[in-house]
């Protein structure tokens, strides 16, 4: 299950960006050629995130297409299917470009239960003399 290694890479990036703060959600761009199965990556994510700032965080995947160039007819197309054939002529002899990306797009941090400073949310300025 190669998703475990991918989940570990995602966690390392998430932890770096979170800087010790709890994470609620992570959004990741995954190239089609990585052939990431969503149920498997979610299981792997839950395992590697356990005991970290990302424990319980949701992982959202955005699959990036691969660009196909047909050697038979010369047409180009994009597909999220890493085993795609040429949509123009049906040939299986295609070259591919891209589709191997793994990019942490964003994280959503959990809300803080307590923010120091004035409870009115005035950036912590002192209330002044009484």
Protein backbone atom coordinates (compact mmCIF):
# COMPACT_ATOMS: atom_id res chain seq x y z
CA UNK A 1 0.00 0.00 0.00
CA UNK A 2 1.99 2.99 -1.28
CA UNK A 3 -0.62 5.35 0.21
CA UNK A 4 1.06 4.96 3.60
CA UNK A 5 4.25 6.63 2.33
CA UNK A 6 2.22 9.35 0.64
CA UNK A 7 0.27 9.94 3.86
CA UNK A 8 3.56 10.29 5.77
CA UNK A 9 4.78 12.88 3.26
CA UNK A 10 1.53 14.82 3.56
CA UNK A 11 1.72 14.72 7.36
CA UNK A 12 5.28 16.09 7.34
CA UNK A 13 4.14 19.04 5.20
CA UNK A 14 1.03 19.59 7.35
CA UNK A 15 3.03 19.58 10.59
CA UNK A 16 5.52 22.03 9.12
CA UNK A 17 2.79 24.46 8.10
CA UNK A 18 0.70 24.02 11.28
CA UNK A 19 3.62 24.96 13.54
CA UNK A 20 2.23 23.05 16.52
CA UNK A 21 -1.39 24.15 16.09
CA UNK A 22 -4.22 21.61 15.78
CA UNK A 23 -5.34 20.88 12.23
CA UNK A 24 -8.95 20.27 11.24
CA UNK A 25 -8.53 19.68 7.49
CA UNK A 26 -5.83 19.36 4.83
CA UNK A 27 -6.37 19.78 1.09
CA UNK A 28 -3.88 18.03 -1.19
CA UNK A 29 -3.37 17.97 -4.95
CA UNK A 30 -2.48 14.46 -6.11
CA UNK A 31 -1.41 13.63 -9.64
CA UNK A 32 -3.34 10.89 -11.44
CA UNK A 33 -0.14 8.90 -12.08
CA UNK A 34 0.31 8.39 -8.33
CA UNK A 35 -2.83 6.20 -8.46
CA UNK A 36 -3.99 7.14 -4.99
CA UNK A 37 -7.08 5.24 -3.89
CA UNK A 38 -9.18 7.49 -1.67
CA UNK A 39 -10.30 4.82 0.84
CA UNK A 40 -6.70 3.61 1.22
CA UNK A 41 -5.23 7.09 1.65
CA UNK A 42 -7.89 7.95 4.24
CA UNK A 43 -7.02 4.81 6.23
CA UNK A 44 -3.29 5.53 5.96
CA UNK A 45 -3.87 9.19 6.91
CA UNK A 46 -5.78 8.19 10.05
CA UNK A 47 -2.94 5.87 11.08
CA UNK A 48 -0.03 8.29 10.52
CA UNK A 49 -1.88 11.30 11.96
CA UNK A 50 -2.70 9.53 15.23
CA UNK A 51 -1.07 11.34 18.15
CA UNK A 52 -0.10 14.37 16.03
CA UNK A 53 -1.56 17.86 15.50
CA UNK A 54 -3.47 16.35 12.57
CA UNK A 55 -5.20 13.58 14.53
CA UNK A 56 -8.83 13.46 13.43
CA UNK A 57 -8.23 15.93 10.58
CA UNK A 58 -10.03 15.37 7.31
CA UNK A 59 -7.96 14.85 4.17
CA UNK A 60 -9.43 16.30 0.96
CA UNK A 61 -7.90 15.14 -2.32
CA UNK A 62 -7.92 17.00 -5.62
CA UNK A 63 -6.80 14.71 -8.44
CA UNK A 64 -4.69 16.46 -11.06
CA UNK A 65 -4.93 15.07 -14.59
CA UNK A 66 -2.11 13.68 -16.66
CA UNK A 67 -1.53 15.07 -20.18
CA UNK A 68 -1.60 12.36 -22.83
CA UNK A 69 0.16 12.62 -26.20
CA UNK A 70 -0.83 9.93 -28.68
CA UNK A 71 2.06 8.47 -30.69
CA UNK A 72 -0.33 7.14 -33.33
CA UNK A 73 -2.38 10.23 -34.22
CA UNK A 74 -0.50 13.03 -32.44
CA UNK A 75 -3.56 14.32 -30.53
CA UNK A 76 -3.26 15.50 -26.93
CA UNK A 77 -5.76 15.14 -24.12
CA UNK A 78 -5.93 15.14 -20.34
CA UNK A 79 -7.24 12.40 -18.10
CA UNK A 80 -7.46 11.51 -14.41
CA UNK A 81 -7.24 7.84 -15.45
CA UNK A 82 -3.56 6.82 -15.42
CA UNK A 83 -4.37 3.92 -17.79
CA UNK A 84 -6.23 6.02 -20.36
CA UNK A 85 -6.00 5.43 -24.09
CA UNK A 86 -6.15 8.11 -26.75
CA UNK A 87 -9.72 9.46 -26.80
CA UNK A 88 -9.36 10.35 -30.51
CA UNK A 89 -8.16 7.08 -32.04
CA UNK A 90 -8.23 4.58 -29.16
CA UNK A 91 -4.51 3.80 -29.33
CA UNK A 92 -2.83 2.70 -26.11
CA UNK A 93 0.59 3.95 -27.25
CA UNK A 94 0.59 7.31 -25.48
CA UNK A 95 3.22 9.41 -23.76
CA UNK A 96 2.31 11.20 -20.57
CA UNK A 97 3.33 14.51 -19.02
CA UNK A 98 2.68 15.62 -15.46
CA UNK A 99 0.26 13.80 -13.24
CA UNK A 100 2.88 12.94 -10.62
CA UNK A 101 2.37 15.98 -8.38
CA UNK A 102 1.86 15.87 -4.62
CA UNK A 103 1.15 19.37 -3.30
CA UNK A 104 -0.22 20.47 0.06
CA UNK A 105 -2.66 23.12 -1.13
CA UNK A 106 -4.01 24.30 2.23
CA UNK A 107 -4.74 23.42 5.83
CA UNK A 108 -7.56 24.51 8.08
CA UNK A 109 -6.61 25.01 11.70
CA UNK A 110 -8.90 24.17 14.59
CA UNK A 111 -10.29 27.20 16.37
CA UNK A 112 -8.56 28.22 19.56
CA UNK A 113 -10.58 27.63 22.72
CA UNK A 114 -9.01 30.66 24.42
CA UNK A 115 -7.46 33.76 22.92
CA UNK A 116 -5.41 35.85 25.36
CA UNK A 117 -6.23 39.52 25.66
CA UNK A 118 -9.45 41.49 26.01
CA UNK A 119 -12.53 39.30 25.72
CA UNK A 120 -14.06 41.90 23.38
CA UNK A 121 -11.46 40.93 20.76
CA UNK A 122 -9.55 44.24 20.69
CA UNK A 123 -6.12 42.68 20.06
CA UNK A 124 -5.27 42.46 23.75
CA UNK A 125 -4.97 46.19 24.45
CA UNK A 126 -5.12 47.00 28.12
CA UNK A 127 -8.45 48.52 29.22
CA UNK A 128 -6.74 51.57 30.75
CA UNK A 129 -7.15 53.06 34.23
CA UNK A 130 -10.32 52.29 36.18
